[in-house]
N, C-alpha and C. Protein backbone atom coordinates (compact mmCIF):
# COMPACT_ATOMS: atom_id res chain seq x y z
N MET A 1 0.90 -1.11 -0.03
CA MET A 1 -0.02 -0.01 -0.02
C MET A 1 0.92 1.32 -0.02
N GLY A 2 0.47 2.21 -0.73
CA GLY A 2 1.24 3.46 -0.79
C GLY A 2 1.30 4.13 0.57
N VAL A 3 2.48 4.55 1.05
CA VAL A 3 2.51 5.25 2.49
C VAL A 3 1.68 6.46 2.43
N VAL A 4 1.59 7.16 1.26
CA VAL A 4 1.02 8.56 1.47
C VAL A 4 -0.60 8.33 1.30
N LYS A 5 -1.14 7.20 0.82
CA LYS A 5 -2.61 6.78 0.87
C LYS A 5 -2.84 6.34 2.11
N PHE A 6 -1.91 5.47 2.86
CA PHE A 6 -2.03 4.82 3.98
C PHE A 6 -2.35 5.89 5.21
N GLU A 7 -1.44 7.01 5.21
CA GLU A 7 -1.38 8.19 6.04
C GLU A 7 -2.59 9.04 5.79
N ARG A 8 -2.91 9.27 4.54
CA ARG A 8 -4.18 10.11 4.21
C ARG A 8 -5.63 9.27 4.75
N PHE A 9 -5.60 8.10 4.52
CA PHE A 9 -6.72 7.33 4.95
C PHE A 9 -6.92 7.52 6.55
N PHE A 10 -5.94 7.29 7.26
CA PHE A 10 -5.90 7.47 8.78
C PHE A 10 -6.48 8.80 9.13
N ARG A 11 -5.97 9.84 8.53
CA ARG A 11 -6.38 11.23 8.81
C ARG A 11 -7.74 11.41 8.38
N ALA A 12 -8.26 10.78 7.22
CA ALA A 12 -9.66 11.03 6.94
C ALA A 12 -10.62 10.12 7.79
N ALA A 13 -10.05 8.98 8.17
CA ALA A 13 -11.07 8.20 8.88
C ALA A 13 -11.14 8.51 10.23
N ALA A 14 -10.21 9.15 10.98
CA ALA A 14 -10.26 9.31 12.45
C ALA A 14 -9.37 10.64 12.87
N GLY A 15 -8.77 11.45 11.94
CA GLY A 15 -7.94 12.49 12.27
C GLY A 15 -6.70 12.05 12.91
N LEU A 16 -6.16 10.92 12.51
CA LEU A 16 -4.93 10.38 13.06
C LEU A 16 -3.71 10.67 12.15
N GLN A 17 -2.58 10.84 12.83
CA GLN A 17 -1.33 10.95 12.12
C GLN A 17 -0.48 9.68 12.35
N VAL A 18 -0.45 8.83 11.29
CA VAL A 18 0.32 7.79 11.54
C VAL A 18 1.78 7.71 10.86
N HIS A 19 2.66 7.02 11.52
CA HIS A 19 3.98 6.98 10.88
C HIS A 19 4.02 5.90 9.61
N HIS A 20 5.05 6.25 8.80
CA HIS A 20 4.93 5.23 7.67
C HIS A 20 5.51 3.75 8.22
N ASN A 21 6.18 3.91 9.32
CA ASN A 21 6.56 2.49 10.03
C ASN A 21 5.60 1.79 10.54
N ASP A 22 4.30 2.44 10.67
CA ASP A 22 3.00 1.68 11.10
C ASP A 22 2.38 0.96 10.02
N LEU A 23 2.83 1.21 8.83
CA LEU A 23 2.28 0.40 7.83
C LEU A 23 2.40 -0.95 7.73
N ARG A 24 3.59 -1.50 8.36
CA ARG A 24 3.93 -2.94 8.56
C ARG A 24 2.97 -3.54 9.57
N ARG A 25 2.73 -2.69 10.66
CA ARG A 25 1.70 -3.18 11.69
C ARG A 25 0.38 -3.34 11.07
N TYR A 26 -0.14 -2.29 10.29
CA TYR A 26 -1.34 -2.35 9.70
C TYR A 26 -1.52 -3.62 8.62
N THR A 27 -0.56 -3.61 7.92
CA THR A 27 -0.67 -4.82 6.85
C THR A 27 -0.74 -6.27 7.67
N GLU A 28 0.07 -6.28 8.69
CA GLU A 28 -0.13 -7.61 9.39
C GLU A 28 -1.43 -7.77 9.99
N PHE A 29 -1.92 -6.72 10.64
CA PHE A 29 -3.29 -6.67 11.19
C PHE A 29 -4.28 -7.17 10.06
N ILE A 30 -4.34 -6.41 8.94
CA ILE A 30 -5.40 -6.90 7.99
C ILE A 30 -5.27 -8.34 7.48
N ASP A 31 -3.91 -8.88 7.28
CA ASP A 31 -3.68 -10.09 6.96
C ASP A 31 -4.43 -11.16 8.09
N ASP A 32 -3.97 -10.75 9.43
CA ASP A 32 -4.36 -11.62 10.48
C ASP A 32 -5.99 -11.73 10.64
N LYS A 33 -6.54 -10.56 10.40
CA LYS A 33 -8.06 -10.66 10.58
C LYS A 33 -8.84 -11.23 9.47
N ILE A 34 -8.33 -10.93 8.15
CA ILE A 34 -8.92 -11.61 7.23
C ILE A 34 -8.73 -13.05 7.28
N TYR A 35 -7.60 -13.52 7.65
CA TYR A 35 -7.48 -15.05 7.89
C TYR A 35 -8.34 -15.51 8.95
N ASP A 36 -8.67 -14.69 10.10
CA ASP A 36 -9.38 -15.13 11.27
C ASP A 36 -10.93 -15.34 10.58
N LEU A 37 -11.50 -14.29 9.83
CA LEU A 37 -12.71 -14.33 9.15
C LEU A 37 -12.79 -15.62 8.35
N LEU A 38 -11.83 -15.88 7.53
CA LEU A 38 -11.97 -17.02 6.67
C LEU A 38 -11.88 -18.34 7.35
N ILE A 39 -11.23 -18.30 8.54
CA ILE A 39 -11.28 -19.67 9.33
C ILE A 39 -12.63 -19.90 9.76
N VAL A 40 -13.34 -18.96 10.34
CA VAL A 40 -14.79 -19.17 10.79
C VAL A 40 -15.56 -19.37 9.56
N ALA A 41 -15.23 -18.58 8.45
CA ALA A 41 -16.18 -18.95 7.29
C ALA A 41 -15.90 -20.34 6.78
N LYS A 42 -14.84 -20.84 6.81
CA LYS A 42 -14.48 -22.35 6.37
C LYS A 42 -15.45 -23.14 7.23
N ALA A 43 -15.50 -23.03 8.52
CA ALA A 43 -16.23 -23.85 9.41
C ALA A 43 -17.59 -23.83 9.13
N SER A 44 -18.12 -22.65 8.70
CA SER A 44 -19.45 -22.47 8.27
C SER A 44 -19.66 -23.34 7.08
N ALA A 45 -19.13 -23.20 6.02
CA ALA A 45 -19.17 -23.84 4.82
C ALA A 45 -19.05 -25.45 5.08
N LYS A 46 -18.07 -25.72 6.01
CA LYS A 46 -18.04 -27.33 6.19
C LYS A 46 -19.07 -27.86 6.87
N ALA A 47 -19.63 -26.88 7.84
CA ALA A 47 -20.85 -27.42 8.52
C ALA A 47 -22.05 -27.64 7.63
N ASN A 48 -22.13 -26.78 6.64
CA ASN A 48 -23.24 -26.87 5.50
C ASN A 48 -22.79 -27.90 4.26
N ALA A 49 -21.66 -28.65 4.62
CA ALA A 49 -21.32 -29.55 3.39
C ALA A 49 -20.92 -29.07 2.30
N ARG A 50 -20.32 -27.85 2.33
CA ARG A 50 -19.77 -27.19 1.08
C ARG A 50 -18.21 -27.13 1.10
N ASP A 51 -17.44 -27.11 0.04
CA ASP A 51 -16.01 -26.86 -0.18
C ASP A 51 -15.92 -25.39 -0.63
N VAL A 52 -16.82 -24.60 -0.79
CA VAL A 52 -16.57 -23.37 -1.33
C VAL A 52 -17.22 -22.31 -0.03
N ILE A 53 -16.51 -21.34 0.15
CA ILE A 53 -16.81 -20.23 1.16
C ILE A 53 -17.80 -19.25 0.31
N GLU A 54 -18.83 -19.16 0.74
CA GLU A 54 -19.78 -18.11 0.03
C GLU A 54 -19.84 -16.85 0.95
N PRO A 55 -20.15 -15.65 0.49
CA PRO A 55 -20.15 -14.51 1.22
C PRO A 55 -21.00 -14.52 2.56
N TRP A 56 -21.99 -15.37 2.53
CA TRP A 56 -22.78 -15.39 3.67
C TRP A 56 -22.11 -16.41 4.84
N ASP A 57 -21.00 -16.88 4.53
CA ASP A 57 -20.36 -17.69 5.60
C ASP A 57 -19.55 -16.94 6.37
N LEU A 58 -19.06 -15.72 5.80
CA LEU A 58 -18.15 -14.81 6.55
C LEU A 58 -19.01 -14.17 7.72
N PRO A 59 -18.37 -14.07 8.99
CA PRO A 59 -18.98 -13.63 10.04
C PRO A 59 -18.77 -12.07 10.16
N ILE A 60 -19.68 -11.34 9.39
CA ILE A 60 -19.58 -9.91 9.34
C ILE A 60 -20.74 -9.42 10.23
N THR A 61 -20.26 -8.78 11.41
CA THR A 61 -21.07 -8.25 12.40
C THR A 61 -21.67 -6.90 11.73
N ALA A 62 -22.77 -6.50 12.64
CA ALA A 62 -23.39 -5.22 12.23
C ALA A 62 -22.41 -4.02 12.22
N GLY A 63 -21.52 -4.01 13.21
CA GLY A 63 -20.47 -2.85 13.41
C GLY A 63 -19.61 -2.93 12.17
N LEU A 64 -19.20 -4.12 11.86
CA LEU A 64 -18.16 -4.27 10.61
C LEU A 64 -18.93 -3.84 9.40
N GLN A 65 -20.17 -4.20 9.30
CA GLN A 65 -20.80 -3.80 8.08
C GLN A 65 -21.00 -2.31 7.97
N GLN A 66 -21.13 -1.50 9.05
CA GLN A 66 -21.25 0.01 9.11
C GLN A 66 -19.86 0.46 8.83
N SER A 67 -18.71 -0.11 9.25
CA SER A 67 -17.47 0.25 8.80
C SER A 67 -17.26 0.17 7.42
N MET A 68 -17.82 -0.97 6.82
CA MET A 68 -17.54 -1.08 5.43
C MET A 68 -18.21 -0.13 4.57
N HIS A 69 -19.39 0.29 4.93
CA HIS A 69 -20.11 1.48 4.28
C HIS A 69 -19.40 2.72 4.27
N ARG A 70 -18.73 3.06 5.68
CA ARG A 70 -18.05 4.23 5.96
C ARG A 70 -16.99 4.05 4.96
N PHE A 71 -16.19 2.95 4.72
CA PHE A 71 -14.96 2.89 3.96
C PHE A 71 -15.46 3.17 2.42
N GLU A 72 -16.62 2.71 2.06
CA GLU A 72 -16.98 2.95 0.66
C GLU A 72 -17.10 4.46 0.52
N LYS A 73 -17.47 5.11 1.41
CA LYS A 73 -17.73 6.64 1.22
C LYS A 73 -16.31 7.41 1.19
N LEU A 74 -15.32 6.88 2.26
CA LEU A 74 -14.13 7.45 2.31
C LEU A 74 -13.14 7.02 1.01
N ASP A 75 -13.55 5.89 0.52
CA ASP A 75 -12.68 5.50 -0.84
C ASP A 75 -12.90 6.16 -1.80
N GLU A 76 -14.03 6.83 -2.01
CA GLU A 76 -14.31 7.56 -3.14
C GLU A 76 -13.38 8.86 -3.42
N GLU A 77 -12.85 9.24 -2.11
CA GLU A 77 -11.87 10.41 -2.26
C GLU A 77 -10.53 10.03 -2.25
N ILE A 78 -10.30 8.87 -1.54
CA ILE A 78 -8.87 8.45 -1.21
C ILE A 78 -8.41 7.36 -2.37
N GLU A 79 -9.40 6.49 -2.77
CA GLU A 79 -9.14 5.42 -3.73
C GLU A 79 -8.05 4.39 -3.08
N LEU A 80 -8.59 3.80 -2.14
CA LEU A 80 -7.61 2.72 -1.49
C LEU A 80 -7.93 1.45 -1.96
N GLN A 81 -9.17 1.27 -2.76
CA GLN A 81 -9.56 -0.15 -3.04
C GLN A 81 -8.55 -0.83 -4.01
N PRO A 82 -7.94 -0.14 -4.93
CA PRO A 82 -6.96 -0.92 -5.64
C PRO A 82 -5.86 -1.43 -4.92
N LEU A 83 -5.50 -0.63 -3.86
CA LEU A 83 -4.34 -1.04 -3.03
C LEU A 83 -4.74 -2.12 -1.99
N LEU A 84 -5.97 -2.22 -1.75
CA LEU A 84 -6.51 -3.18 -0.84
C LEU A 84 -6.63 -4.44 -1.53
N ASP A 85 -6.91 -4.34 -2.84
CA ASP A 85 -6.98 -5.54 -3.72
C ASP A 85 -5.79 -6.42 -3.70
N GLN A 86 -4.61 -5.73 -3.44
CA GLN A 86 -3.31 -6.24 -3.53
C GLN A 86 -2.83 -6.68 -2.13
N LEU A 87 -3.50 -6.09 -1.17
CA LEU A 87 -3.05 -6.20 0.16
C LEU A 87 -3.65 -7.57 0.81
N VAL A 88 -4.91 -7.73 0.45
CA VAL A 88 -5.74 -8.88 1.15
C VAL A 88 -5.06 -10.09 0.84
N ALA A 89 -4.54 -10.77 1.95
CA ALA A 89 -3.98 -12.18 1.72
C ALA A 89 -5.08 -13.27 1.49
N ARG A 90 -4.58 -14.17 0.69
CA ARG A 90 -5.64 -15.32 0.46
C ARG A 90 -4.89 -16.57 0.83
N PRO A 91 -4.93 -16.85 2.23
CA PRO A 91 -4.17 -17.96 2.60
C PRO A 91 -4.76 -19.26 2.25
N PRO A 92 -3.96 -20.29 2.08
CA PRO A 92 -4.26 -21.48 1.46
C PRO A 92 -5.32 -22.16 2.52
N LEU A 93 -6.44 -22.59 1.99
CA LEU A 93 -7.42 -23.27 2.85
C LEU A 93 -7.77 -24.41 2.13
N ASP A 94 -8.34 -25.36 2.71
CA ASP A 94 -8.91 -26.69 2.14
C ASP A 94 -10.21 -26.62 1.46
N VAL A 95 -10.77 -25.18 1.27
CA VAL A 95 -11.87 -24.85 0.64
C VAL A 95 -11.60 -23.71 -0.08
N ALA A 96 -12.48 -23.54 -1.31
CA ALA A 96 -12.33 -22.49 -2.26
C ALA A 96 -13.14 -21.23 -1.83
N LEU A 97 -12.79 -20.13 -2.33
CA LEU A 97 -13.69 -19.01 -2.15
C LEU A 97 -14.41 -18.61 -3.32
N ALA A 98 -15.72 -18.54 -3.17
CA ALA A 98 -16.53 -18.14 -4.26
C ALA A 98 -16.16 -16.73 -4.93
N GLN A 99 -16.35 -16.53 -6.16
CA GLN A 99 -15.95 -15.36 -6.74
C GLN A 99 -16.46 -14.13 -5.94
N GLU A 100 -17.64 -14.13 -5.44
CA GLU A 100 -18.13 -12.94 -4.92
C GLU A 100 -17.49 -12.82 -3.50
N THR A 101 -17.16 -14.00 -2.96
CA THR A 101 -16.49 -13.90 -1.64
C THR A 101 -15.10 -13.14 -1.91
N GLU A 102 -14.32 -13.48 -2.86
CA GLU A 102 -13.11 -13.04 -3.29
C GLU A 102 -13.25 -11.62 -3.52
N ARG A 103 -14.23 -11.10 -4.17
CA ARG A 103 -14.43 -9.69 -4.53
C ARG A 103 -14.86 -8.87 -3.23
N ARG A 104 -15.36 -9.50 -2.23
CA ARG A 104 -15.70 -8.72 -1.03
C ARG A 104 -14.48 -8.57 -0.13
N LEU A 105 -13.49 -9.29 -0.26
CA LEU A 105 -12.35 -9.22 0.78
C LEU A 105 -11.77 -8.01 0.90
N PRO A 106 -11.47 -7.19 -0.33
CA PRO A 106 -10.82 -5.92 -0.12
C PRO A 106 -11.70 -4.85 0.48
N LEU A 107 -13.15 -4.91 0.36
CA LEU A 107 -14.09 -4.18 1.10
C LEU A 107 -14.31 -4.50 2.62
N ILE A 108 -14.09 -5.77 2.88
CA ILE A 108 -13.99 -6.12 4.31
C ILE A 108 -12.69 -5.58 4.91
N ALA A 109 -11.52 -5.64 4.20
CA ALA A 109 -10.40 -5.06 4.70
C ALA A 109 -10.53 -3.70 4.87
N GLY A 110 -11.28 -2.95 4.00
CA GLY A 110 -11.48 -1.45 4.20
C GLY A 110 -12.34 -1.31 5.37
N GLY A 111 -13.50 -1.98 5.59
CA GLY A 111 -14.03 -1.97 6.82
C GLY A 111 -13.38 -2.16 8.12
N LEU A 112 -12.48 -3.10 8.02
CA LEU A 112 -11.66 -3.46 9.26
C LEU A 112 -10.55 -2.26 9.40
N SER A 113 -10.19 -1.56 8.23
CA SER A 113 -9.33 -0.48 8.63
C SER A 113 -9.98 0.79 9.20
N VAL A 114 -11.33 0.88 8.73
CA VAL A 114 -12.04 2.11 9.31
C VAL A 114 -12.30 1.86 10.86
N ALA A 115 -12.71 0.49 11.11
CA ALA A 115 -12.84 0.13 12.47
C ALA A 115 -11.64 0.37 13.37
N LEU A 116 -10.44 -0.08 12.82
CA LEU A 116 -9.18 0.16 13.55
C LEU A 116 -8.87 1.54 13.72
N ALA A 117 -9.10 2.37 12.93
CA ALA A 117 -8.81 3.77 13.06
C ALA A 117 -9.69 4.41 14.18
N GLN A 118 -11.00 4.04 13.91
CA GLN A 118 -11.96 4.49 14.92
C GLN A 118 -11.71 4.03 16.42
N THR A 119 -11.28 2.87 16.51
CA THR A 119 -10.89 2.28 17.91
C THR A 119 -9.80 3.11 18.49
N PHE A 120 -8.87 3.73 17.83
CA PHE A 120 -7.97 4.35 18.45
C PHE A 120 -8.65 5.58 19.13
N ILE A 121 -9.50 6.26 18.46
CA ILE A 121 -10.30 7.43 18.97
C ILE A 121 -11.23 7.03 20.01
N ALA A 122 -11.79 6.05 19.98
CA ALA A 122 -12.66 5.45 20.96
C ALA A 122 -11.95 5.23 22.49
N ILE A 123 -10.80 4.84 22.25
CA ILE A 123 -9.88 4.37 23.50
C ILE A 123 -9.33 5.92 24.04
N ASP A 124 -8.87 6.69 23.20
CA ASP A 124 -8.37 8.21 23.64
C ASP A 124 -8.87 9.14 22.56
N PRO A 125 -10.03 9.86 22.91
CA PRO A 125 -10.60 10.72 21.93
C PRO A 125 -9.57 11.91 21.54
N LYS A 126 -8.46 12.10 22.35
CA LYS A 126 -7.39 13.08 22.28
C LYS A 126 -6.49 12.65 21.46
N ALA A 127 -6.24 11.38 21.02
CA ALA A 127 -5.06 10.74 20.26
C ALA A 127 -4.93 11.28 19.01
N LYS A 128 -3.63 11.50 18.69
CA LYS A 128 -3.36 12.11 17.27
C LYS A 128 -2.36 11.21 16.49
N ARG A 129 -1.32 10.74 17.29
CA ARG A 129 -0.39 10.00 16.91
C ARG A 129 -0.06 8.80 17.65
N PRO A 130 -0.84 7.64 17.12
CA PRO A 130 -0.49 6.43 18.15
C PRO A 130 0.72 5.80 18.04
N GLY A 131 1.12 5.40 19.12
CA GLY A 131 2.53 4.70 19.23
C GLY A 131 2.36 3.33 19.44
N SER A 132 3.47 2.57 19.68
CA SER A 132 3.55 1.17 19.67
C SER A 132 2.50 0.61 20.82
N ALA A 133 2.55 1.29 21.94
CA ALA A 133 1.55 0.91 23.12
C ALA A 133 0.17 0.93 22.57
N GLU A 134 -0.29 2.06 21.97
CA GLU A 134 -1.73 2.23 21.49
C GLU A 134 -1.88 1.15 20.30
N TRP A 135 -1.09 0.94 19.55
CA TRP A 135 -1.45 -0.22 18.43
C TRP A 135 -1.47 -1.58 19.18
N SER A 136 -0.83 -1.76 20.16
CA SER A 136 -0.84 -3.07 20.86
C SER A 136 -2.13 -3.19 21.56
N VAL A 137 -2.62 -2.14 22.24
CA VAL A 137 -3.87 -2.21 22.76
C VAL A 137 -5.08 -2.41 21.84
N VAL A 138 -5.00 -1.76 20.62
CA VAL A 138 -5.98 -1.85 19.76
C VAL A 138 -6.00 -3.23 19.16
N PHE A 139 -4.83 -3.76 18.90
CA PHE A 139 -4.75 -5.19 18.32
C PHE A 139 -5.35 -6.21 19.37
N GLU A 140 -5.13 -5.88 20.71
CA GLU A 140 -5.50 -6.90 21.59
C GLU A 140 -7.17 -6.82 21.62
N ILE A 141 -7.72 -5.55 21.56
CA ILE A 141 -9.13 -5.43 21.52
C ILE A 141 -9.85 -6.28 20.26
N PHE A 142 -9.19 -6.12 19.31
CA PHE A 142 -9.78 -6.84 17.91
C PHE A 142 -9.31 -8.39 18.08
N HIS A 143 -8.34 -8.73 18.93
CA HIS A 143 -8.01 -10.14 19.21
C HIS A 143 -9.39 -10.80 19.88
N LEU A 144 -9.72 -10.05 20.81
CA LEU A 144 -10.63 -10.45 21.72
C LEU A 144 -12.10 -10.52 21.08
N LEU A 145 -12.33 -9.74 20.06
CA LEU A 145 -13.56 -9.44 19.36
C LEU A 145 -13.77 -10.24 18.09
N LEU A 146 -12.59 -10.47 17.46
CA LEU A 146 -12.72 -11.07 16.06
C LEU A 146 -11.94 -12.32 16.21
């Protein structure tokens, strides 16, 4: 992902100033959370005797859905979608992803990105430059919830 767009996204999403070194943390976060969602979706597909993960197998909560909608609005001005297309990891699973599921992954990554940015502000409304400690706390929260 381009550093400039990454920084611009966090400013637009939550008024945060992130450092270019945070890009690595961010990409690992997206990879981990997409993988977690796919593991749950795989279990759903298998429970329904399918070897293909359909979009409805993904555990999308109401909050994540709202963040995905916010991302779509932000993306119109920042144009992150092409970068997220490249970023979203597609780990090897013993099930396939339906085409619609594949197409949704970058949007889900965008929703996770908005939720991530907003979580910094929820924890500390005065936060402007999250450091390592703040990233760790936010990651722990997501780990507990997703």
